[in-house]
Amino acid sequence: MIDDGTGLLTIGQLSRNTGLSVRTIRYWSDAGVLPPATRSSGGYRLYDAAAVARLELVRTLRELGLGLEDVRRVMAGETTVAEVAAAHVAALDAQIRSLKVTRAVLSTVARRGSTAEEMTLMNKLARLSAAERKRIIDDFMEETFGGLDTADPDIRTRMRFSLADLPDDPTSEQVDAWVELAELIQDPAFRARMRKMIEFNAVDRGPDLPSGTSLWFMSRLVQLASEARERGIAPESPQAEEVLGQLLGNADRAAVLDRMEPATHTELARFRELTALVRGTGPLPAHREEFAWVVAALRAQPAG
């Protein structure tokens, strides 16, 4: 405090009282965050006693990562600390999300041993906006189901539900799964395989057939094949013919085999796993062994 009875502080005295360097105080003062109360006859900055408390607030806001312009607006009364804090939380959330995306991409690159081109694609996919992600999903659904009005509606509903978007606060595992899923559902070969599977479903469904019939058939298939495997029945054995008879009746075995093979492709199982990972749920049972048993039985005993 200068000895002129005014109670004003020089910048050096303010520095000693707060522990902040003269250089920092001068910088903040020049930025309009802490303007001096007045100046001495020699032109030196002078601060009032309240400047100590204001400096503590400035230091706190800066330590929390606020920019000087936001700090200046708070100090000038143009906005409140609460309003600035809320805006800063939103900005931090965006930064955290971006960092998670970056971490997921780099982890995937390291695990796959990706090339620079693959890394660029993964980074682009991971940083797509919600609208862009929805467009990719909608395009996939249209190419899979478009024009197939007789396909079981329950299959369409379940597939669309499974293709959930990333949550607002995704884990690195969810981002990683979304990148792989986005690559998969944009792959023309995978789309063609899914389309073929739905075409098989739609080809002999009449308009009066109840929704969910296809899912009931799949449940029945899993049940019968699981029981056959537990009993040790080999797909090529005479007992397997009895199981197929219970499941298919007089249906054309060759046609059923054509329908079953796309549904047992490893990519479809991976598709189910990835959609569950993006949703943050445990993967649904793929029943790979049961489907493989039925396919093997159909190949061994196609005529019935």
C-alpha atoms as a PDB file:
ATOM      1  CA  MET A   1       0.000   0.000   0.000  1.00  0.00           C
ATOM      2  CA  ILE A   2       1.422   3.323  -0.986  1.00  0.00           C
ATOM      3  CA  ASP A   3       1.955   5.843   1.772  1.00  0.00           C
ATOM      4  CA  ASP A   4      -0.319   8.592   0.503  1.00  0.00           C
ATOM      5  CA  GLY A   5      -3.394   7.731   2.577  1.00  0.00           C
ATOM      6  CA  THR A   6      -5.410   6.509  -0.397  1.00  0.00           C
ATOM      7  CA  GLY A   7      -5.197   2.798   0.421  1.00  0.00           C
ATOM      8  CA  LEU A   8      -4.199   2.034  -3.158  1.00  0.00           C
ATOM      9  CA  LEU A   9      -1.770  -0.723  -4.106  1.00  0.00           C
ATOM     10  CA  THR A  10       0.968  -0.726  -6.672  1.00  0.00           C
ATOM     11  CA  ILE A  11       1.216  -3.691  -9.010  1.00  0.00           C
ATOM     12  CA  GLY A  12       4.241  -4.911  -7.023  1.00  0.00           C
ATOM     13  CA  GLN A  13       2.315  -4.779  -3.747  1.00  0.00           C
ATOM     14  CA  LEU A  14      -0.652  -6.556  -5.359  1.00  0.00           C
ATOM     15  CA  SER A  15       1.739  -9.242  -6.573  1.00  0.00           C
ATOM     16  CA  ARG A  16       3.112  -9.808  -3.075  1.00  0.00           C
ATOM     17  CA  ASN A  17      -0.389  -9.926  -1.558  1.00  0.00           C
ATOM     18  CA  THR A  18      -1.710 -12.506  -4.033  1.00  0.00           C
ATOM     19  CA  GLY A  19       1.364 -14.537  -4.970  1.00  0.00           C
ATOM     20  CA  LEU A  20       0.790 -13.800  -8.652  1.00  0.00           C
ATOM     21  CA  SER A  21       3.634 -12.479 -10.735  1.00  0.00           C
ATOM     22  CA  VAL A  22       3.749  -8.841 -11.793  1.00  0.00           C
ATOM     23  CA  ARG A  23       3.880 -10.034 -15.396  1.00  0.00           C
ATOM     24  CA  THR A  24       0.640 -12.034 -15.028  1.00  0.00           C
ATOM     25  CA  ILE A  25      -1.214  -9.182 -13.317  1.00  0.00           C
ATOM     26  CA  ARG A  26      -0.050  -6.743 -15.971  1.00  0.00           C
ATOM     27  CA  TYR A  27      -1.164  -9.136 -18.730  1.00  0.00           C
ATOM     28  CA  TRP A  28      -4.618  -9.568 -17.186  1.00  0.00           C
ATOM     29  CA  SER A  29      -4.880  -5.852 -16.654  1.00  0.00           C
ATOM     30  CA  ASP A  30      -4.017  -5.149 -20.303  1.00  0.00           C
ATOM     31  CA  ALA A  31      -6.677  -7.676 -21.342  1.00  0.00           C
ATOM     32  CA  GLY A  32      -9.334  -5.708 -19.457  1.00  0.00           C
ATOM     33  CA  VAL A  33      -9.836  -8.377 -16.805  1.00  0.00           C
ATOM     34  CA  LEU A  34      -8.473  -6.289 -13.951  1.00  0.00           C
ATOM     35  CA  PRO A  35      -8.289  -2.619 -14.902  1.00  0.00           C
ATOM     36  CA  PRO A  36      -6.446  -0.395 -12.384  1.00  0.00           C
ATOM     37  CA  ALA A  37      -8.461   1.917 -10.171  1.00  0.00           C
ATOM     38  CA  THR A  38      -6.282   4.810 -11.278  1.00  0.00           C
ATOM     39  CA  ARG A  39      -2.703   5.683 -12.141  1.00  0.00           C
ATOM     40  CA  SER A  40      -0.051   7.541 -10.202  1.00  0.00           C
ATOM     41  CA  SER A  41       1.325  10.896 -11.307  1.00  0.00           C
ATOM     42  CA  GLY A  42       4.163   8.919 -12.852  1.00  0.00           C
ATOM     43  CA  GLY A  43       1.731   6.770 -14.848  1.00  0.00           C
ATOM     44  CA  TYR A  44       2.038   3.620 -12.747  1.00  0.00           C
ATOM     45  CA  ARG A  45      -1.046   1.441 -12.222  1.00  0.00           C
ATOM     46  CA  LEU A  46      -2.735   1.616  -8.833  1.00  0.00           C
ATOM     47  CA  TYR A  47      -5.283  -0.865  -7.539  1.00  0.00           C
ATOM     48  CA  ASP A  48      -7.798  -0.647  -4.711  1.00  0.00           C
ATOM     49  CA  ALA A  49      -8.013  -3.178  -1.869  1.00  0.00           C
ATOM     50  CA  ALA A  50     -10.884  -5.040  -3.564  1.00  0.00           C
ATOM     51  CA  ALA A  51      -8.506  -5.963  -6.392  1.00  0.00           C
ATOM     52  CA  VAL A  52      -7.059  -8.705  -4.192  1.00  0.00           C
ATOM     53  CA  ALA A  53     -10.423 -10.502  -4.044  1.00  0.00           C
ATOM     54  CA  ARG A  54     -11.045  -9.932  -7.762  1.00  0.00           C
ATOM     55  CA  LEU A  55      -7.654 -11.408  -8.581  1.00  0.00           C
ATOM     56  CA  GLU A  56      -8.500 -14.536  -6.598  1.00  0.00           C
ATOM     57  CA  LEU A  57     -11.679 -14.918  -8.649  1.00  0.00           C
ATOM     58  CA  VAL A  58      -9.770 -14.378 -11.886  1.00  0.00           C
ATOM     59  CA  ARG A  59      -7.168 -16.945 -10.857  1.00  0.00           C
ATOM     60  CA  THR A  60      -9.886 -19.499 -10.016  1.00  0.00           C
ATOM     61  CA  LEU A  61     -11.697 -18.984 -13.323  1.00  0.00           C
ATOM     62  CA  ARG A  62      -8.450 -19.262 -15.266  1.00  0.00           C
ATOM     63  CA  GLU A  63      -7.446 -22.439 -13.397  1.00  0.00           C
ATOM     64  CA  LEU A  64     -10.825 -23.895 -14.402  1.00  0.00           C
ATOM     65  CA  GLY A  65      -9.896 -23.251 -18.016  1.00  0.00           C
ATOM     66  CA  LEU A  66     -11.994 -20.203 -18.864  1.00  0.00           C
ATOM     67  CA  GLY A  67     -10.676 -17.909 -21.543  1.00  0.00           C
ATOM     68  CA  LEU A  68      -9.771 -14.308 -20.799  1.00  0.00           C
ATOM     69  CA  GLU A  69     -12.777 -12.970 -22.711  1.00  0.00           C
ATOM     70  CA  ASP A  70     -15.177 -15.038 -20.576  1.00  0.00           C
ATOM     71  CA  VAL A  71     -13.352 -13.918 -17.441  1.00  0.00           C
ATOM     72  CA  ARG A  72     -13.531 -10.289 -18.574  1.00  0.00           C
ATOM     73  CA  ARG A  73     -17.287 -10.560 -19.137  1.00  0.00           C
ATOM     74  CA  VAL A  74     -17.777 -12.020 -15.653  1.00  0.00           C
ATOM     75  CA  MET A  75     -15.669  -9.318 -14.044  1.00  0.00           C
ATOM     76  CA  ALA A  76     -17.517  -6.609 -15.989  1.00  0.00           C
ATOM     77  CA  GLY A  77     -20.909  -7.962 -14.903  1.00  0.00           C
ATOM     78  CA  GLU A  78     -21.909  -8.791 -18.477  1.00  0.00           C
ATOM     79  CA  THR A  79     -22.615 -12.394 -17.495  1.00  0.00           C
ATOM     80  CA  THR A  80     -22.695 -14.502 -14.349  1.00  0.00           C
ATOM     81  CA  VAL A  81     -20.255 -17.111 -13.132  1.00  0.00           C
ATOM     82  CA  ALA A  82     -23.054 -19.705 -13.342  1.00  0.00           C
ATOM     83  CA  GLU A  83     -23.800 -18.894 -16.985  1.00  0.00           C
ATOM     84  CA  VAL A  84     -20.157 -19.040 -17.968  1.00  0.00           C
ATOM     85  CA  ALA A  85     -19.686 -22.273 -16.008  1.00  0.00           C
ATOM     86  CA  ALA A  86     -22.633 -23.895 -17.808  1.00  0.00           C
ATOM     87  CA  ALA A  87     -21.242 -22.886 -21.190  1.00  0.00           C
ATOM     88  CA  HIS A  88     -17.810 -24.143 -20.199  1.00  0.00           C
ATOM     89  CA  VAL A  89     -19.242 -27.499 -19.093  1.00  0.00           C
ATOM     90  CA  ALA A  90     -20.798 -27.893 -22.545  1.00  0.00           C
ATOM     91  CA  ALA A  91     -17.492 -27.044 -24.185  1.00  0.00           C
ATOM     92  CA  LEU A  92     -15.636 -29.505 -21.953  1.00  0.00           C
ATOM     93  CA  ASP A  93     -18.173 -32.232 -22.772  1.00  0.00           C
ATOM     94  CA  ALA A  94     -17.495 -31.671 -26.460  1.00  0.00           C
ATOM     95  CA  GLN A  95     -13.742 -31.823 -25.838  1.00  0.00           C
ATOM     96  CA  ILE A  96     -14.086 -35.014 -23.798  1.00  0.00           C
ATOM     97  CA  ARG A  97     -16.160 -36.627 -26.536  1.00  0.00           C
ATOM     98  CA  SER A  98     -13.573 -35.603 -29.116  1.00  0.00           C
ATOM     99  CA  LEU A  99     -10.768 -37.047 -26.990  1.00  0.00           C
ATOM    100  CA  LYS A 100     -12.663 -40.319 -26.587  1.00  0.00           C
ATOM    101  CA  VAL A 101     -13.123 -40.516 -30.337  1.00  0.00           C
ATOM    102  CA  THR A 102      -9.423 -39.820 -30.861  1.00  0.00           C
ATOM    103  CA  ARG A 103      -8.456 -42.474 -28.329  1.00  0.00           C
ATOM    104  CA  ALA A 104     -10.789 -45.040 -29.891  1.00  0.00           C
ATOM    105  CA  VAL A 105      -9.453 -44.396 -33.397  1.00  0.00           C
ATOM    106  CA  LEU A 106      -5.821 -44.614 -32.288  1.00  0.00           C
ATOM    107  CA  SER A 107      -6.517 -47.794 -30.275  1.00  0.00           C
ATOM    108  CA  THR A 108      -8.146 -49.392 -33.311  1.00  0.00           C
ATOM    109  CA  VAL A 109      -5.282 -48.321 -35.579  1.00  0.00           C
ATOM    110  CA  ALA A 110      -2.760 -49.823 -33.156  1.00  0.00           C
ATOM    111  CA  ARG A 111      -4.707 -53.064 -32.811  1.00  0.00           C
ATOM    112  CA  ARG A 112      -5.357 -53.528 -36.530  1.00  0.00           C
ATOM    113  CA  GLY A 113      -1.984 -52.271 -37.721  1.00  0.00           C
ATOM    114  CA  SER A 114      -3.895 -49.960 -40.055  1.00  0.00           C
ATOM    115  CA  THR A 115      -2.422 -48.020 -42.935  1.00  0.00           C
ATOM    116  CA  ALA A 116      -2.588 -44.224 -43.110  1.00  0.00           C
ATOM    117  CA  GLU A 117      -5.526 -44.494 -45.534  1.00  0.00           C
ATOM    118  CA  GLU A 118      -7.458 -46.810 -43.206  1.00  0.00           C
ATOM    119  CA  MET A 119      -6.759 -44.516 -40.278  1.00  0.00           C
ATOM    120  CA  THR A 120      -8.112 -41.535 -42.227  1.00  0.00           C
ATOM    121  CA  LEU A 121     -11.314 -43.437 -43.012  1.00  0.00           C
ATOM    122  CA  MET A 122     -11.782 -44.580 -39.408  1.00  0.00           C
ATOM    123  CA  ASN A 123     -11.265 -41.056 -38.112  1.00  0.00           C
ATOM    124  CA  LYS A 124     -13.826 -39.726 -40.595  1.00  0.00           C
ATOM    125  CA  LEU A 125     -16.390 -42.371 -39.627  1.00  0.00           C
ATOM    126  CA  ALA A 126     -15.875 -41.821 -35.913  1.00  0.00           C
ATOM    127  CA  ARG A 127     -16.384 -38.058 -36.184  1.00  0.00           C
ATOM    128  CA  LEU A 128     -19.582 -38.144 -38.217  1.00  0.00           C
ATOM    129  CA  SER A 129     -22.435 -36.033 -36.881  1.00  0.00           C
ATOM    130  CA  ALA A 130     -25.599 -37.664 -35.533  1.00  0.00           C
ATOM    131  CA  ALA A 131     -27.420 -36.719 -38.755  1.00  0.00           C
ATOM    132  CA  GLU A 132     -24.685 -38.299 -40.873  1.00  0.00           C
ATOM    133  CA  ARG A 133     -24.728 -41.485 -38.802  1.00  0.00           C
ATOM    134  CA  LYS A 134     -28.518 -41.657 -39.179  1.00  0.00           C
ATOM    135  CA  ARG A 135     -28.209 -41.268 -42.947  1.00  0.00           C
ATOM    136  CA  ILE A 136     -25.830 -44.245 -43.141  1.00  0.00           C
ATOM    137  CA  ILE A 137     -28.229 -46.368 -41.092  1.00  0.00           C
ATOM    138  CA  ASP A 138     -31.279 -45.254 -43.115  1.00  0.00           C
ATOM    139  CA  ASP A 139     -29.481 -46.019 -46.392  1.00  0.00           C
ATOM    140  CA  PHE A 140     -28.624 -49.502 -45.138  1.00  0.00           C
ATOM    141  CA  MET A 141     -32.227 -50.166 -44.043  1.00  0.00           C
ATOM    142  CA  GLU A 142     -33.610 -48.946 -47.374  1.00  0.00           C
ATOM    143  CA  GLU A 143     -31.211 -51.072 -49.402  1.00  0.00           C
ATOM    144  CA  THR A 144     -32.005 -54.104 -47.239  1.00  0.00           C
ATOM    145  CA  PHE A 145     -35.806 -53.792 -47.016  1.00  0.00           C
ATOM    146  CA  GLY A 146     -36.818 -51.349 -49.778  1.00  0.00           C
ATOM    147  CA  GLY A 147     -39.709 -52.663 -51.890  1.00  0.00           C
ATOM    148  CA  LEU A 148     -40.037 -55.891 -49.888  1.00  0.00           C
ATOM    149  CA  ASP A 149     -43.408 -55.118 -48.355  1.00  0.00           C
ATOM    150  CA  THR A 150     -44.147 -58.734 -47.480  1.00  0.00           C
ATOM    151  CA  ALA A 151     -41.027 -59.176 -45.326  1.00  0.00           C
ATOM    152  CA  ASP A 152     -41.830 -59.931 -41.705  1.00  0.00           C
ATOM    153  CA  PRO A 153     -42.327 -56.506 -40.046  1.00  0.00           C
ATOM    154  CA  ASP A 154     -40.880 -57.791 -36.789  1.00  0.00           C
ATOM    155  CA  ILE A 155     -37.533 -58.407 -38.485  1.00  0.00           C
ATOM    156  CA  ARG A 156     -37.448 -54.838 -39.808  1.00  0.00           C
ATOM    157  CA  THR A 157     -38.412 -53.432 -36.395  1.00  0.00           C
ATOM    158  CA  ARG A 158     -35.798 -55.451 -34.533  1.00  0.00           C
ATOM    159  CA  MET A 159     -33.034 -54.626 -36.990  1.00  0.00           C
ATOM    160  CA  ARG A 160     -33.807 -50.896 -36.888  1.00  0.00           C
ATOM    161  CA  PHE A 161     -33.838 -50.976 -33.081  1.00  0.00           C
ATOM    162  CA  SER A 162     -30.531 -52.835 -33.012  1.00  0.00           C
ATOM    163  CA  LEU A 163     -28.921 -50.101 -35.143  1.00  0.00           C
ATOM    164  CA  ALA A 164     -28.906 -47.588 -32.315  1.00  0.00           C
ATOM    165  CA  ASP A 165     -26.882 -44.400 -32.595  1.00  0.00           C
ATOM    166  CA  LEU A 166     -23.922 -43.638 -30.356  1.00  0.00           C
ATOM    167  CA  PRO A 167     -24.947 -42.297 -26.936  1.00  0.00           C
ATOM    168  CA  ASP A 168     -24.103 -38.714 -26.009  1.00  0.00           C
ATOM    169  CA  ASP A 169     -21.230 -39.900 -23.827  1.00  0.00           C
ATOM    170  CA  PRO A 170     -19.820 -42.939 -25.634  1.00  0.00           C
ATOM    171  CA  THR A 171     -17.059 -45.127 -24.310  1.00  0.00           C
ATOM    172  CA  SER A 172     -14.019 -45.765 -26.460  1.00  0.00           C
ATOM    173  CA  GLU A 173     -15.318 -49.332 -26.969  1.00  0.00           C
ATOM    174  CA  GLN A 174     -18.617 -47.981 -28.332  1.00  0.00           C
ATOM    175  CA  VAL A 175     -16.829 -45.606 -30.695  1.00  0.00           C
ATOM    176  CA  ASP A 176     -14.596 -48.455 -31.840  1.00  0.00           C
ATOM    177  CA  ALA A 177     -17.650 -50.683 -32.443  1.00  0.00           C
ATOM    178  CA  TRP A 178     -19.431 -47.911 -34.350  1.00  0.00           C
ATOM    179  CA  VAL A 179     -16.443 -47.424 -36.675  1.00  0.00           C
ATOM    180  CA  GLU A 180     -16.408 -51.130 -37.526  1.00  0.00           C
ATOM    181  CA  LEU A 181     -20.203 -51.254 -37.821  1.00  0.00           C
ATOM    182  CA  ALA A 182     -20.283 -48.243 -40.146  1.00  0.00           C
ATOM    183  CA  GLU A 183     -17.659 -49.888 -42.366  1.00  0.00           C
ATOM    184  CA  LEU A 184     -19.657 -53.125 -42.397  1.00  0.00           C
ATOM    185  CA  ILE A 185     -23.097 -51.705 -43.243  1.00  0.00           C
ATOM    186  CA  GLN A 186     -21.622 -49.622 -46.066  1.00  0.00           C
ATOM    187  CA  ASP A 187     -19.897 -52.658 -47.592  1.00  0.00           C
ATOM    188  CA  PRO A 188     -21.767 -53.569 -50.817  1.00  0.00           C
ATOM    189  CA  ALA A 189     -21.135 -57.300 -50.341  1.00  0.00           C
ATOM    190  CA  PHE A 190     -22.612 -57.275 -46.832  1.00  0.00           C
ATOM    191  CA  ARG A 191     -25.610 -55.234 -47.998  1.00  0.00           C
ATOM    192  CA  ALA A 192     -26.221 -57.722 -50.819  1.00  0.00           C
ATOM    193  CA  ARG A 193     -26.049 -60.625 -48.369  1.00  0.00           C
ATOM    194  CA  MET A 194     -28.547 -58.972 -46.022  1.00  0.00           C
ATOM    195  CA  ARG A 195     -30.831 -58.112 -48.946  1.00  0.00           C
ATOM    196  CA  LYS A 196     -30.808 -61.715 -50.116  1.00  0.00           C
ATOM    197  CA  MET A 197     -31.733 -62.913 -46.644  1.00  0.00           C
ATOM    198  CA  ILE A 198     -34.734 -60.541 -46.482  1.00  0.00           C
ATOM    199  CA  GLU A 199     -35.785 -61.439 -50.037  1.00  0.00           C
ATOM    200  CA  PHE A 200     -35.904 -65.077 -48.977  1.00  0.00           C
ATOM    201  CA  ASN A 201     -38.075 -64.072 -46.035  1.00  0.00           C
ATOM    202  CA  ALA A 202     -40.468 -62.067 -48.211  1.00  0.00           C
ATOM    203  CA  VAL A 203     -40.826 -64.394 -51.181  1.00  0.00           C
ATOM    204  CA  ASP A 204     -43.563 -66.703 -49.839  1.00  0.00           C
ATOM    205  CA  ARG A 205     -45.152 -64.582 -47.117  1.00  0.00           C
ATOM    206  CA  GLY A 206     -48.774 -63.777 -47.784  1.00  0.00           C
ATOM    207  CA  PRO A 207     -50.418 -60.541 -46.607  1.00  0.00           C
ATOM    208  CA  ASP A 208     -52.359 -62.420 -43.922  1.00  0.00           C
ATOM    209  CA  LEU A 209     -49.357 -64.108 -42.319  1.00  0.00           C
ATOM    210  CA  PRO A 210     -48.924 -62.755 -38.739  1.00  0.00           C
ATOM    211  CA  SER A 211     -45.891 -60.681 -37.806  1.00  0.00           C
ATOM    212  CA  GLY A 212     -43.240 -62.560 -35.885  1.00  0.00           C
ATOM    213  CA  THR A 213     -43.692 -65.881 -37.721  1.00  0.00           C
ATOM    214  CA  SER A 214     -40.090 -65.799 -38.934  1.00  0.00           C
ATOM    215  CA  LEU A 215     -38.826 -65.191 -35.431  1.00  0.00           C
ATOM    216  CA  TRP A 216     -40.954 -68.080 -34.157  1.00  0.00           C
ATOM    217  CA  PHE A 217     -39.335 -70.341 -36.768  1.00  0.00           C
ATOM    218  CA  MET A 218     -35.871 -69.244 -35.659  1.00  0.00           C
ATOM    219  CA  SER A 219     -36.737 -69.937 -32.030  1.00  0.00           C
ATOM    220  CA  ARG A 220     -38.028 -73.377 -32.982  1.00  0.00           C
ATOM    221  CA  LEU A 221     -34.868 -74.062 -34.996  1.00  0.00           C
ATOM    222  CA  VAL A 222     -32.630 -73.136 -32.066  1.00  0.00           C
ATOM    223  CA  GLN A 223     -34.656 -75.311 -29.699  1.00  0.00           C
ATOM    224  CA  LEU A 224     -34.655 -78.435 -31.877  1.00  0.00           C
ATOM    225  CA  ALA A 225     -31.011 -78.100 -32.949  1.00  0.00           C
ATOM    226  CA  SER A 226     -29.905 -77.496 -29.375  1.00  0.00           C
ATOM    227  CA  GLU A 227     -31.737 -80.614 -28.198  1.00  0.00           C
ATOM    228  CA  ALA A 228     -30.214 -82.636 -31.059  1.00  0.00           C
ATOM    229  CA  ARG A 229     -26.708 -81.494 -30.179  1.00  0.00           C
ATOM    230  CA  GLU A 230     -27.267 -82.296 -26.504  1.00  0.00           C
ATOM    231  CA  ARG A 231     -28.349 -85.813 -27.498  1.00  0.00           C
ATOM    232  CA  GLY A 232     -25.227 -86.199 -29.622  1.00  0.00           C
ATOM    233  CA  ILE A 233     -27.099 -86.506 -32.921  1.00  0.00           C
ATOM    234  CA  ALA A 234     -24.741 -86.000 -35.865  1.00  0.00           C
ATOM    235  CA  PRO A 235     -26.057 -83.899 -38.776  1.00  0.00           C
ATOM    236  CA  GLU A 236     -25.490 -86.762 -41.232  1.00  0.00           C
ATOM    237  CA  SER A 237     -27.260 -89.400 -39.095  1.00  0.00           C
ATOM    238  CA  PRO A 238     -30.768 -90.833 -39.671  1.00  0.00           C
ATOM    239  CA  GLN A 239     -31.911 -89.197 -36.416  1.00  0.00           C
ATOM    240  CA  ALA A 240     -31.050 -85.781 -37.915  1.00  0.00           C
ATOM    241  CA  GLU A 241     -33.629 -86.454 -40.640  1.00  0.00           C
ATOM    242  CA  GLU A 242     -36.279 -86.773 -37.937  1.00  0.00           C
ATOM    243  CA  VAL A 243     -35.256 -83.415 -36.459  1.00  0.00           C
ATOM    244  CA  LEU A 244     -35.441 -81.755 -39.883  1.00  0.00           C
ATOM    245  CA  GLY A 245     -38.864 -83.279 -40.398  1.00  0.00           C
ATOM    246  CA  GLN A 246     -40.106 -81.741 -37.141  1.00  0.00           C
ATOM    247  CA  LEU A 247     -38.685 -78.367 -38.118  1.00  0.00           C
ATOM    248  CA  LEU A 248     -39.479 -78.189 -41.845  1.00  0.00           C
ATOM    249  CA  GLY A 249     -42.237 -80.639 -42.582  1.00  0.00           C
ATOM    250  CA  ASN A 250     -42.557 -81.028 -46.366  1.00  0.00           C
ATOM    251  CA  ALA A 251     -40.696 -77.786 -47.214  1.00  0.00           C
ATOM    252  CA  ASP A 252     -38.194 -77.759 -50.082  1.00  0.00           C
ATOM    253  CA  ARG A 253     -34.890 -78.553 -48.326  1.00  0.00           C
ATOM    254  CA  ALA A 254     -32.752 -76.966 -51.046  1.00  0.00           C
ATOM    255  CA  ALA A 255     -34.720 -73.706 -50.789  1.00  0.00           C
ATOM    256  CA  VAL A 256     -34.401 -73.719 -47.007  1.00  0.00           C
ATOM    257  CA  LEU A 257     -30.647 -74.290 -47.300  1.00  0.00           C
ATOM    258  CA  ASP A 258     -30.388 -71.305 -49.671  1.00  0.00           C
ATOM    259  CA  ARG A 259     -32.139 -69.196 -47.065  1.00  0.00           C
ATOM    260  CA  MET A 260     -30.131 -70.507 -44.145  1.00  0.00           C
ATOM    261  CA  GLU A 261     -26.642 -69.995 -45.559  1.00  0.00           C
ATOM    262  CA  PRO A 262     -26.709 -66.156 -45.648  1.00  0.00           C
ATOM    263  CA  ALA A 263     -28.090 -66.121 -42.101  1.00  0.00           C
ATOM    264  CA  THR A 264     -25.161 -68.181 -40.813  1.00  0.00           C
ATOM    265  CA  HIS A 265     -22.427 -66.030 -42.369  1.00  0.00           C
ATOM    266  CA  THR A 266     -19.788 -64.898 -39.881  1.00  0.00           C
ATOM    267  CA  GLU A 267     -20.329 -61.250 -40.853  1.00  0.00           C
ATOM    268  CA  LEU A 268     -23.943 -61.399 -39.706  1.00  0.00           C
ATOM    269  CA  ALA A 269     -22.856 -62.715 -36.323  1.00  0.00           C
ATOM    270  CA  ARG A 270     -20.333 -59.879 -36.102  1.00  0.00           C
ATOM    271  CA  PHE A 271     -23.077 -57.429 -37.092  1.00  0.00           C
ATOM    272  CA  ARG A 272     -25.131 -58.574 -34.086  1.00  0.00           C
ATOM    273  CA  GLU A 273     -22.130 -58.259 -31.788  1.00  0.00           C
ATOM    274  CA  LEU A 274     -21.294 -54.747 -32.978  1.00  0.00           C
ATOM    275  CA  THR A 275     -24.851 -53.424 -32.671  1.00  0.00           C
ATOM    276  CA  ALA A 276     -24.981 -54.706 -29.090  1.00  0.00           C
ATOM    277  CA  LEU A 277     -21.657 -53.042 -28.294  1.00  0.00           C
ATOM    278  CA  VAL A 278     -22.837 -49.687 -29.693  1.00  0.00           C
ATOM    279  CA  ARG A 279     -26.024 -49.919 -27.616  1.00  0.00           C
ATOM    280  CA  GLY A 280     -23.940 -50.722 -24.560  1.00  0.00           C
ATOM    281  CA  THR A 281     -25.680 -54.048 -23.963  1.00  0.00           C
ATOM    282  CA  GLY A 282     -24.371 -57.566 -23.859  1.00  0.00           C
ATOM    283  CA  PRO A 283     -24.395 -59.313 -27.234  1.00  0.00           C
ATOM    284  CA  LEU A 284     -27.478 -61.385 -27.958  1.00  0.00           C
ATOM    285  CA  PRO A 285     -26.843 -65.122 -28.364  1.00  0.00           C
ATOM    286  CA  ALA A 286     -25.806 -65.811 -31.962  1.00  0.00           C
ATOM    287  CA  HIS A 287     -26.652 -69.531 -31.735  1.00  0.00           C
ATOM    288  CA  ARG A 288     -23.897 -70.220 -34.256  1.00  0.00           C
ATOM    289  CA  GLU A 289     -23.634 -73.897 -33.318  1.00  0.00           C
ATOM    290  CA  GLU A 290     -27.377 -74.517 -33.704  1.00  0.00           C
ATOM    291  CA  PHE A 291     -27.579 -72.813 -37.116  1.00  0.00           C
ATOM    292  CA  ALA A 292     -24.419 -74.608 -38.262  1.00  0.00           C
ATOM    293  CA  TRP A 293     -25.931 -77.963 -37.213  1.00  0.00           C
ATOM    294  CA  VAL A 294     -29.084 -77.376 -39.271  1.00  0.00           C
ATOM    295  CA  VAL A 295     -27.078 -76.225 -42.316  1.00  0.00           C
ATOM    296  CA  ALA A 296     -24.852 -79.306 -42.036  1.00  0.00           C
ATOM    297  CA  ALA A 297     -27.918 -81.553 -41.743  1.00  0.00           C
ATOM    298  CA  LEU A 298     -29.537 -79.967 -44.814  1.00  0.00           C
ATOM    299  CA  ARG A 299     -26.359 -80.477 -46.819  1.00  0.00           C
ATOM    300  CA  ALA A 300     -26.079 -84.095 -45.717  1.00  0.00           C
ATOM    301  CA  GLN A 301     -29.768 -84.913 -46.254  1.00  0.00           C
ATOM    302  CA  PRO A 302     -31.142 -82.489 -48.830  1.00  0.00           C
ATOM    303  CA  ALA A 303     -33.881 -84.753 -50.207  1.00  0.00           C
ATOM    304  CA  GLY A 304     -35.569 -85.554 -46.933  1.00  0.00           C
END
